[in-house]
C-alpha atoms as a PDB file:
ATOM      1  CA  MET A   1      26.875  38.573 -23.450  1.00  0.00           C
ATOM      2  CA  ASP A   2      23.267  37.818 -24.381  1.00  0.00           C
ATOM      3  CA  GLN A   3      21.116  37.244 -21.290  1.00  0.00           C
ATOM      4  CA  THR A   4      17.917  36.188 -23.061  1.00  0.00           C
ATOM      5  CA  PRO A   5      16.612  32.769 -22.099  1.00  0.00           C
ATOM      6  CA  PRO A   6      16.741  30.154 -24.832  1.00  0.00           C
ATOM      7  CA  ALA A   7      13.577  29.598 -26.834  1.00  0.00           C
ATOM      8  CA  ARG A   8      11.582  26.524 -25.939  1.00  0.00           C
ATOM      9  CA  SER A   9      12.364  23.868 -28.506  1.00  0.00           C
ATOM     10  CA  ASP A  10       9.649  21.523 -27.254  1.00  0.00           C
ATOM     11  CA  PRO A  11       6.184  23.039 -27.763  1.00  0.00           C
ATOM     12  CA  THR A  12       4.626  20.275 -25.634  1.00  0.00           C
ATOM     13  CA  LEU A  13       6.546  21.510 -22.604  1.00  0.00           C
ATOM     14  CA  ALA A  14       4.017  23.986 -21.235  1.00  0.00           C
ATOM     15  CA  PRO A  15       5.187  26.127 -18.290  1.00  0.00           C
ATOM     16  CA  SER A  16       2.870  24.368 -15.836  1.00  0.00           C
ATOM     17  CA  LYS A  17       4.173  20.950 -16.910  1.00  0.00           C
ATOM     18  CA  ALA A  18       7.769  22.114 -16.538  1.00  0.00           C
ATOM     19  CA  ASN A  19       7.028  23.520 -13.078  1.00  0.00           C
ATOM     20  CA  ASP A  20       5.470  20.205 -12.031  1.00  0.00           C
ATOM     21  CA  ARG A  21       8.790  18.526 -12.737  1.00  0.00           C
ATOM     22  CA  PHE A  22      10.558  20.787 -10.242  1.00  0.00           C
ATOM     23  CA  ASP A  23       8.261  19.486  -7.496  1.00  0.00           C
ATOM     24  CA  ASP A  24       8.269  15.847  -8.620  1.00  0.00           C
ATOM     25  CA  GLU A  25      10.785  13.987  -6.489  1.00  0.00           C
ATOM     26  CA  ASP A  26      10.560  10.978  -8.811  1.00  0.00           C
ATOM     27  CA  TYR A  27      11.425  12.894 -11.992  1.00  0.00           C
ATOM     28  CA  PRO A  28      14.788  11.569 -13.264  1.00  0.00           C
ATOM     29  CA  GLY A  29      16.438  14.953 -13.605  1.00  0.00           C
ATOM     30  CA  TYR A  30      20.046  14.173 -12.687  1.00  0.00           C
ATOM     31  CA  SER A  31      22.692  12.555 -14.834  1.00  0.00           C
ATOM     32  CA  MET A  32      25.131  10.119 -13.295  1.00  0.00           C
ATOM     33  CA  GLY A  33      27.863  12.750 -13.299  1.00  0.00           C
ATOM     34  CA  ALA A  34      25.672  15.351 -11.615  1.00  0.00           C
ATOM     35  CA  ALA A  35      24.400  12.826  -9.073  1.00  0.00           C
ATOM     36  CA  ALA A  36      27.909  11.629  -8.229  1.00  0.00           C
ATOM     37  CA  GLU A  37      29.129  15.207  -7.823  1.00  0.00           C
ATOM     38  CA  MET A  38      26.191  16.185  -5.603  1.00  0.00           C
ATOM     39  CA  LEU A  39      26.739  13.166  -3.351  1.00  0.00           C
ATOM     40  CA  GLY A  40      30.524  13.288  -3.384  1.00  0.00           C
ATOM     41  CA  VAL A  41      30.769   9.721  -4.675  1.00  0.00           C
ATOM     42  CA  THR A  42      32.081   8.017  -7.775  1.00  0.00           C
ATOM     43  CA  ALA A  43      30.015   6.743 -10.673  1.00  0.00           C
ATOM     44  CA  ALA A  44      31.138   3.260  -9.623  1.00  0.00           C
ATOM     45  CA  PHE A  45      29.482   3.768  -6.215  1.00  0.00           C
ATOM     46  CA  LEU A  46      26.194   4.667  -7.915  1.00  0.00           C
ATOM     47  CA  ARG A  47      26.468   1.621 -10.179  1.00  0.00           C
ATOM     48  CA  ALA A  48      27.122  -0.527  -7.083  1.00  0.00           C
ATOM     49  CA  LEU A  49      23.928   0.819  -5.486  1.00  0.00           C
ATOM     50  CA  GLY A  50      22.095  -0.235  -8.627  1.00  0.00           C
ATOM     51  CA  ALA A  51      23.658  -3.688  -8.531  1.00  0.00           C
ATOM     52  CA  ALA A  52      22.602  -3.981  -4.869  1.00  0.00           C
ATOM     53  CA  LYS A  53      19.028  -3.089  -5.949  1.00  0.00           C
ATOM     54  CA  LEU A  54      18.829   0.037  -3.795  1.00  0.00           C
ATOM     55  CA  ILE A  55      18.194   2.374  -6.711  1.00  0.00           C
ATOM     56  CA  GLU A  56      17.376   1.600 -10.314  1.00  0.00           C
ATOM     57  CA  PRO A  57      17.904   4.702 -12.419  1.00  0.00           C
ATOM     58  CA  GLN A  58      15.810   5.378 -15.465  1.00  0.00           C
ATOM     59  CA  ARG A  59      17.556   5.592 -18.807  1.00  0.00           C
ATOM     60  CA  SER A  60      17.569   8.525 -21.199  1.00  0.00           C
ATOM     61  CA  SER A  61      16.820   7.950 -24.860  1.00  0.00           C
ATOM     62  CA  GLY A  62      20.588   7.678 -25.346  1.00  0.00           C
ATOM     63  CA  GLY A  63      20.860   5.004 -22.631  1.00  0.00           C
ATOM     64  CA  HIS A  64      22.399   7.216 -19.941  1.00  0.00           C
ATOM     65  CA  ARG A  65      21.424   6.721 -16.312  1.00  0.00           C
ATOM     66  CA  ARG A  66      19.105   9.394 -14.876  1.00  0.00           C
ATOM     67  CA  TYR A  67      18.430   9.749 -11.132  1.00  0.00           C
ATOM     68  CA  SER A  68      15.569  11.339  -9.214  1.00  0.00           C
ATOM     69  CA  ARG A  69      15.805  13.382  -6.011  1.00  0.00           C
ATOM     70  CA  TYR A  70      14.228  10.473  -4.140  1.00  0.00           C
ATOM     71  CA  GLN A  71      16.933   8.117  -5.395  1.00  0.00           C
ATOM     72  CA  LEU A  72      19.620  10.630  -4.476  1.00  0.00           C
ATOM     73  CA  ARG A  73      18.292  10.791  -0.907  1.00  0.00           C
ATOM     74  CA  LEU A  74      18.503   6.994  -0.651  1.00  0.00           C
ATOM     75  CA  ALA A  75      22.022   7.040  -2.103  1.00  0.00           C
ATOM     76  CA  ALA A  76      23.087   9.769   0.335  1.00  0.00           C
ATOM     77  CA  ARG A  77      21.833   7.704   3.286  1.00  0.00           C
ATOM     78  CA  ALA A  78      23.665   4.630   1.960  1.00  0.00           C
ATOM     79  CA  ARG A  79      26.833   6.691   1.663  1.00  0.00           C
ATOM     80  CA  GLU A  80      26.492   7.814   5.302  1.00  0.00           C
ATOM     81  CA  LEU A  81      26.282   4.202   6.427  1.00  0.00           C
ATOM     82  CA  VAL A  82      29.189   3.092   4.252  1.00  0.00           C
ATOM     83  CA  ASP A  83      31.273   6.000   5.553  1.00  0.00           C
ATOM     84  CA  GLN A  84      30.523   4.737   9.091  1.00  0.00           C
ATOM     85  CA  GLY A  85      31.931   1.329   8.182  1.00  0.00           C
ATOM     86  CA  THR A  86      28.811  -0.576   7.156  1.00  0.00           C
ATOM     87  CA  ALA A  87      29.265  -2.953   4.238  1.00  0.00           C
ATOM     88  CA  LEU A  88      27.586  -1.753   1.049  1.00  0.00           C
ATOM     89  CA  GLU A  89      25.082  -4.628   0.821  1.00  0.00           C
ATOM     90  CA  ALA A  90      24.119  -4.188   4.486  1.00  0.00           C
ATOM     91  CA  ALA A  91      23.846  -0.410   4.080  1.00  0.00           C
ATOM     92  CA  CYS A  92      21.489  -0.888   1.136  1.00  0.00           C
ATOM     93  CA  ARG A  93      19.304  -3.288   3.107  1.00  0.00           C
ATOM     94  CA  ILE A  94      19.174  -0.854   6.046  1.00  0.00           C
ATOM     95  CA  VAL A  95      18.151   2.002   3.759  1.00  0.00           C
ATOM     96  CA  ILE A  96      15.430  -0.131   2.139  1.00  0.00           C
ATOM     97  CA  LEU A  97      14.056  -1.102   5.556  1.00  0.00           C
ATOM     98  CA  GLU A  98      14.184   2.506   6.801  1.00  0.00           C
ATOM     99  CA  ASP A  99      12.311   3.632   3.692  1.00  0.00           C
ATOM    100  CA  GLN A 100       9.677   0.911   4.103  1.00  0.00           C
ATOM    101  CA  LEU A 101       9.195   1.846   7.753  1.00  0.00           C
ATOM    102  CA  ALA A 102       8.830   5.549   6.914  1.00  0.00           C
ATOM    103  CA  GLU A 103       6.195   4.712   4.279  1.00  0.00           C
ATOM    104  CA  ALA A 104       4.275   2.476   6.715  1.00  0.00           C
ATOM    105  CA  LEU A 105       4.300   5.243   9.329  1.00  0.00           C
ATOM    106  CA  ARG A 106       3.023   7.769   6.749  1.00  0.00           C
ATOM    107  CA  MET A 107       0.216   5.393   5.800  1.00  0.00           C
ATOM    108  CA  ASN A 108      -0.739   4.853   9.454  1.00  0.00           C
ATOM    109  CA  ARG A 109      -0.836   8.611  10.124  1.00  0.00           C
ATOM    110  CA  ALA A 110      -3.019   9.134   7.057  1.00  0.00           C
ATOM    111  CA  ARG A 111      -5.362   6.359   8.153  1.00  0.00           C
ATOM    112  CA  GLU A 112      -5.579   7.815  11.672  1.00  0.00           C
ATOM    113  CA  ARG A 113      -6.405  11.254  10.257  1.00  0.00           C
ATOM    114  CA  SER A 114      -9.151   9.817   8.031  1.00  0.00           C
ATOM    115  CA  ASP A 115     -10.592   7.859  10.982  1.00  0.00           C
ATOM    116  CA  GLU A 116     -10.720  11.041  13.086  1.00  0.00           C
ATOM    117  CA  GLY A 117     -12.468  13.092  10.386  1.00  0.00           C
END
């Protein structure tokens, strides 16, 4: 079996740009099927999270939903809450509030560090 890597079909995809995507938690690198499998949920669950406005996946050129690592973390947290008996809409609101709080705390820490320096 041939073990050579496939040739790059996109000349605009320089190695450094491709590597940046590995570190970008907002890059929509996961299809609905892959996301559902990783989280152990159904595609319907992911669509329900979209309907509840927790995550809004980007769309590929063919119209398929694409999820980022950040969105998958939010979906995983929502699944934990739903598995514990929290209603989906409530779980989504909790996750949104937790995410907003975490961002506010990050901003406060950054501001404190800049005030100290």
